[in-house]
Structures are given as structure tokens and as C-alpha cells.
Protein backbone atom coordinates (compact mmCIF):
# COMPACT_ATOMS: atom_id res chain seq x y z
CA GLY A 1 -0.31 0.22 -0.19
CA MET A 2 1.25 3.51 0.25
CA ASN A 3 0.48 6.78 2.76
CA ILE A 4 0.50 10.15 1.19
CA ALA A 5 0.64 12.86 3.44
CA LEU A 6 -2.01 15.38 3.13
CA ASP A 7 -0.63 17.96 5.61
CA THR A 8 1.68 17.70 9.03
CA VAL A 9 -1.06 15.68 11.18
CA SER A 10 -2.90 13.56 8.01
CA SER A 11 -2.78 11.82 5.74
CA LEU A 12 -4.78 9.38 3.15
CA ASP A 13 -3.88 5.53 3.95
CA VAL A 14 -4.40 3.11 0.36
CA ARG A 15 -4.34 -0.49 1.37
CA TYR A 16 -4.39 -4.06 -0.36
CA THR A 17 -4.19 -7.15 1.07
CA LEU A 18 -4.26 -10.82 -0.45
CA PHE A 19 -4.24 -14.08 1.63
CA GLU A 20 -4.23 -17.61 0.27
CA SER A 21 -4.56 -20.83 2.45
CA LEU A 22 -4.87 -24.55 1.55
CA THR A 23 -4.59 -27.15 4.00
CA GLU A 24 -4.94 -30.75 2.88
CA ASN A 25 -4.84 -34.45 5.09
CA GLU A 26 -5.79 -37.71 4.67
CA ILE A 27 -6.12 -40.80 7.41
CA SER A 28 -7.13 -44.17 6.78
CA THR A 29 -7.44 -47.66 9.20
CA THR A 30 -8.76 -51.28 9.50
CA ALA A 31 -10.61 -53.40 10.23
CA PRO A 32 -12.56 -52.99 13.59
CA LEU A 33 -11.38 -49.48 13.46
CA ALA A 34 -13.51 -46.99 11.53
CA LEU A 35 -13.67 -43.74 10.29
CA ARG A 36 -17.33 -41.82 10.34
CA SER A 37 -17.72 -38.77 8.45
CA LEU A 38 -19.20 -35.84 10.24
CA VAL A 39 -19.35 -33.02 7.14
CA THR A 40 -21.61 -36.28 5.18
CA HIS A 41 -25.70 -34.98 5.03
CA PRO A 42 -27.75 -36.27 8.25
CA SER A 43 -31.13 -37.06 6.34
CA SER A 44 -28.52 -39.33 3.19
CA ALA A 45 -28.77 -42.98 3.55
CA SER A 46 -24.47 -43.28 3.61
CA ALA A 47 -24.72 -41.05 7.11
CA ALA A 48 -24.67 -43.88 9.52
CA GLN A 49 -22.01 -46.20 7.33
CA ASP A 50 -18.69 -46.42 8.42
CA GLY A 51 -15.48 -45.75 6.26
CA LEU A 52 -11.83 -46.89 6.22
CA ALA A 53 -10.19 -44.14 3.80
CA ALA A 54 -11.03 -40.43 3.62
CA THR A 55 -8.77 -37.70 1.87
CA ALA A 56 -10.02 -33.78 2.28
CA SER A 57 -8.89 -30.35 1.39
CA LEU A 58 -9.67 -27.13 2.83
CA GLU A 59 -9.28 -23.66 0.90
CA ILE A 60 -9.30 -19.79 1.77
CA ASP A 61 -8.52 -16.83 0.03
CA TYR A 62 -9.15 -13.67 0.44
CA ASP A 63 -8.60 -9.79 -0.58
CA VAL A 64 -8.93 -6.43 1.10
CA ILE A 65 -9.10 -3.14 -0.33
CA ASP A 66 -8.69 -0.23 2.25
CA VAL A 67 -9.06 3.27 2.10
CA ALA A 68 -8.80 6.00 5.06
CA TYR A 69 -8.03 9.15 6.82
CA ARG A 70 -5.24 9.05 9.05
CA HIS A 71 -5.47 12.24 11.93
CA LEU A 72 -3.05 12.82 14.53
CA LEU A 73 -4.72 12.29 18.20
CA LYS A 74 -1.79 12.84 20.51
CA CYS A 75 1.83 13.06 20.18
CA GLY A 76 4.76 13.30 22.52
CA ASP A 77 9.19 13.59 21.79
CA VAL A 78 9.07 9.86 21.46
CA PHE A 79 5.61 8.49 20.94
CA SER A 80 2.64 9.25 18.64
CA ALA A 81 -1.47 7.92 18.26
CA ASN A 82 -3.38 8.25 15.22
CA TYR A 83 -7.45 8.06 14.62
CA VAL A 84 -8.67 6.01 11.62
CA VAL A 85 -11.58 6.30 9.34
CA GLY A 86 -12.06 4.96 6.11
CA ALA A 87 -14.04 2.07 4.45
CA ARG A 88 -13.04 -1.49 3.52
CA TYR A 89 -14.34 -3.88 0.97
CA ALA A 90 -13.53 -7.61 0.87
CA LYS A 91 -13.66 -10.83 -0.79
CA LEU A 92 -13.66 -14.29 1.02
CA GLU A 93 -13.73 -17.66 -0.89
CA GLN A 94 -13.90 -20.60 0.91
CA GLN A 95 -13.77 -24.43 -0.45
CA PHE A 96 -14.22 -27.86 1.53
CA ASP A 97 -13.35 -30.95 -0.34
CA ALA A 98 -13.86 -34.76 1.10
CA GLU A 99 -13.70 -37.95 -0.53
CA PHE A 100 -14.40 -41.10 2.24
CA LEU A 101 -13.94 -45.10 1.06
CA LYS A 102 -16.90 -46.33 2.13
CA LEU A 103 -18.97 -49.16 0.67
CA GLY A 104 -18.02 -46.78 -2.54
CA THR A 105 -16.26 -44.03 -2.98
CA GLU A 106 -18.42 -40.73 -1.31
CA THR A 107 -17.76 -37.53 -2.29
CA VAL A 108 -18.45 -33.93 -0.03
CA ALA A 109 -17.90 -30.46 -1.42
CA THR A 110 -19.04 -26.77 -0.08
CA ASP A 111 -18.33 -23.68 -1.88
CA ILE A 112 -18.64 -20.46 0.28
CA ASP A 113 -18.54 -16.42 -1.02
CA PHE A 114 -18.71 -13.25 0.29
CA ASP A 115 -18.28 -9.19 -1.13
CA GLY A 116 -19.02 -6.28 1.27
CA ALA A 117 -18.33 -3.29 1.95
CA GLY A 118 -18.31 -0.95 4.58
CA MET A 119 -17.14 1.23 7.53
CA ARG A 120 -13.47 0.66 8.74
CA LEU A 121 -12.30 2.53 12.33
CA GLY A 122 -8.73 2.24 14.34
CA LEU A 123 -6.71 3.80 16.02
CA GLU A 124 -2.56 3.44 15.57
CA THR A 125 -0.45 3.76 17.91
CA GLN A 126 3.66 4.05 18.21
CA ARG A 127 6.78 4.83 20.34
CA PHE A 128 10.68 4.59 19.02
CA SER A 129 13.29 4.12 21.96
CA CYS A 130 15.59 6.97 23.40
CA ARG A 131 18.81 4.75 22.96
CA ASN A 132 18.49 3.44 19.76
CA GLN A 133 16.37 3.32 16.11
CA LEU A 134 14.34 0.77 17.66
CA HIS A 135 10.04 1.46 17.58
CA VAL A 136 7.40 -0.46 18.07
CA TYR A 137 4.07 -0.20 16.77
CA ALA A 138 0.17 -1.41 17.92
CA ASN A 139 -2.86 -0.97 16.12
CA GLY A 140 -6.31 -2.10 16.32
CA TYR A 141 -9.35 -1.86 13.78
CA ALA A 142 -13.09 -2.43 13.39
CA SER A 143 -14.75 -2.95 9.89
CA PHE A 144 -18.59 -3.75 9.50
CA LEU A 145 -19.01 -5.02 6.20
CA ALA A 146 -22.91 -5.16 4.39
CA GLY A 147 -22.48 -8.02 1.59
CA ARG A 148 -23.89 -11.09 0.07
CA PHE A 149 -23.16 -14.70 1.23
CA ARG A 150 -23.24 -17.42 -1.66
CA ALA A 151 -23.31 -21.20 -0.41
CA ARG A 152 -23.65 -24.72 -2.23
CA TYR A 153 -23.76 -27.63 -0.75
CA PHE A 154 -22.91 -30.89 -2.51
CA GLN A 155 -23.01 -34.72 -2.06
CA GLY A 156 -22.56 -37.85 -4.20
CA GLN A 157 -21.39 -41.00 -4.32
CA SER A 158 -20.15 -43.40 -6.51
CA PHE A 159 -24.18 -45.58 -7.17
CA ASP A 160 -25.48 -42.22 -6.94
CA PRO A 161 -24.15 -39.14 -8.89
CA SER A 162 -26.23 -36.74 -6.89
CA VAL A 163 -27.60 -37.21 -3.37
CA VAL A 164 -27.66 -33.54 -2.58
CA ASP A 165 -27.23 -30.68 -4.00
CA ALA A 166 -28.37 -27.29 -2.00
CA GLU A 167 -27.81 -23.68 -2.65
CA TRP A 168 -27.95 -20.61 -0.20
CA GLU A 169 -27.41 -17.33 -0.89
CA ALA A 170 -28.27 -14.22 2.05
CA GLY A 171 -27.15 -10.62 3.08
CA ARG A 172 -25.34 -10.60 6.17
CA ILE A 173 -23.34 -7.75 8.41
CA VAL A 174 -19.67 -9.17 8.55
CA PRO A 175 -17.50 -7.47 11.25
CA ILE A 176 -13.58 -8.21 11.12
CA LEU A 177 -11.69 -7.17 13.87
CA ASP A 178 -7.82 -6.87 13.30
CA PHE A 179 -5.02 -6.63 15.75
CA GLU A 180 -1.20 -5.55 14.10
CA ALA A 181 1.98 -5.59 16.48
CA TRP A 182 5.09 -4.26 15.12
CA VAL A 183 8.39 -3.80 15.89
CA GLY A 184 10.65 -2.08 13.97
CA TRP A 185 14.21 -0.21 12.99
CA CYS A 186 15.05 3.10 10.84
CA THR A 187 18.06 4.92 10.00
CA PRO A 188 18.42 8.38 10.98
CA HIS A 189 15.91 11.00 9.52
CA ALA A 190 13.98 7.54 9.34
CA LYS A 191 14.70 7.37 5.52
CA LEU A 192 14.81 3.51 5.48
CA ARG A 193 12.43 1.35 7.87
CA LEU A 194 12.08 -2.39 8.14
CA ASN A 195 9.61 -3.40 9.97
CA ALA A 196 8.29 -7.22 11.54
CA GLY A 197 5.47 -8.56 13.08
CA TYR A 198 1.91 -10.00 13.59
CA MET A 199 -1.18 -9.75 12.88
CA VAL A 200 -4.73 -11.12 14.32
CA SER A 201 -7.72 -10.63 11.72
CA GLY A 202 -11.64 -12.24 12.94
CA TRP A 203 -14.05 -12.45 11.07
CA PHE A 204 -17.80 -12.72 12.48
CA ASN A 205 -21.18 -13.67 11.86
């Protein structure tokens, strides 16, 4: 992203975030032990059937665009605090696929997508060391996105290609809470800064 100074105490902040993740796993066993699916539709005949092997994958991706106005709230010789008021757009995609070996092969797949936009509020703080060029950051943000969910659940078997095929769509308000903690180092006159940190992002509802 980038930050454009409007004057000595305010700026315009623009950010783009891309997150992609993929988790895969598999398991197998031998009789008399057995596997029981927790994602098979409970009304289907195979819900109570045991299996001996299963594989699954979960993919979560999102794109986030933030545009915000930052203004100095309070400052001292070695610290500063800014409040942030702006907007956020987010696109979230979740895809789950599982395959179970029972009396044949059973497949379960879900696809959940969300698009939304709304207000973003935050507080950004930083403190500099008096002894060296180190500094620390602690930032917190809250976003409230109005958007639409689109979801699909599919279950099929080798002897019945389409057992369940359901779709769902609805509007939701999705609160997102972000917290960032950073430590950094900068050259004299702050011409170059290096930061490393950790961010936690919680998506609700």
C-alpha cells in the first residue's frame, strides 16, 4: 500500500491485502476400527456408514482493499497515536472437498463466497526508543461490512452421482476485528524503515 501526507498531522492511507491458504490431509485405518464422516448430510443413507479411508482439503482466500483518512490524535517526543476513519471492501472464498471410501466412494464439497463493503475505524500507536533506532507499533481496527453470502453444498456417491445439491444466498453484516503488533528499525532521519510483526484478523457472523 501507500500513505500520502495531506499536511503535517493527517494523511491518506491505501492498502491492498491478498491472503491464500490451502490445507490438505488424509487418514486410513483397518477393521475393526472405522471412520465416520461428520460432513455427510445427516438425512442421507450413508450418514451412518463406516469407512476405512478419507482425504480432505480446505482452501481459504481473501482480497481486502482499505482506504482511510489518518489524523494525529496525540503525540510526544517519542510516541504518537493516530485515529483512522475509512472504508473497506473484502472478497472471501472458502472451498472444502472431502472423499470417503465406504461402500464405494463418497464425495462432499462446499463452496462459500462473500463480497461486502463498509466502514472501517481504527487506532494506530507507535513508540520510539530514546537509546537506539528501534520502535514498536500496536494497531487495532474494526470494520463492519454489508455484503452477500453465496453457498453451495454437494454430496455424491459412486452409485448415486447427486445425493444432495443445495444452494443458499443471503445478506449479512460481517464485523472484522484486526490487531497488529510490530517492532521496527529505521535509519537516522527515517529514510529507511524495516518492520516485522504479527497480525490477527477475526471475521464474525
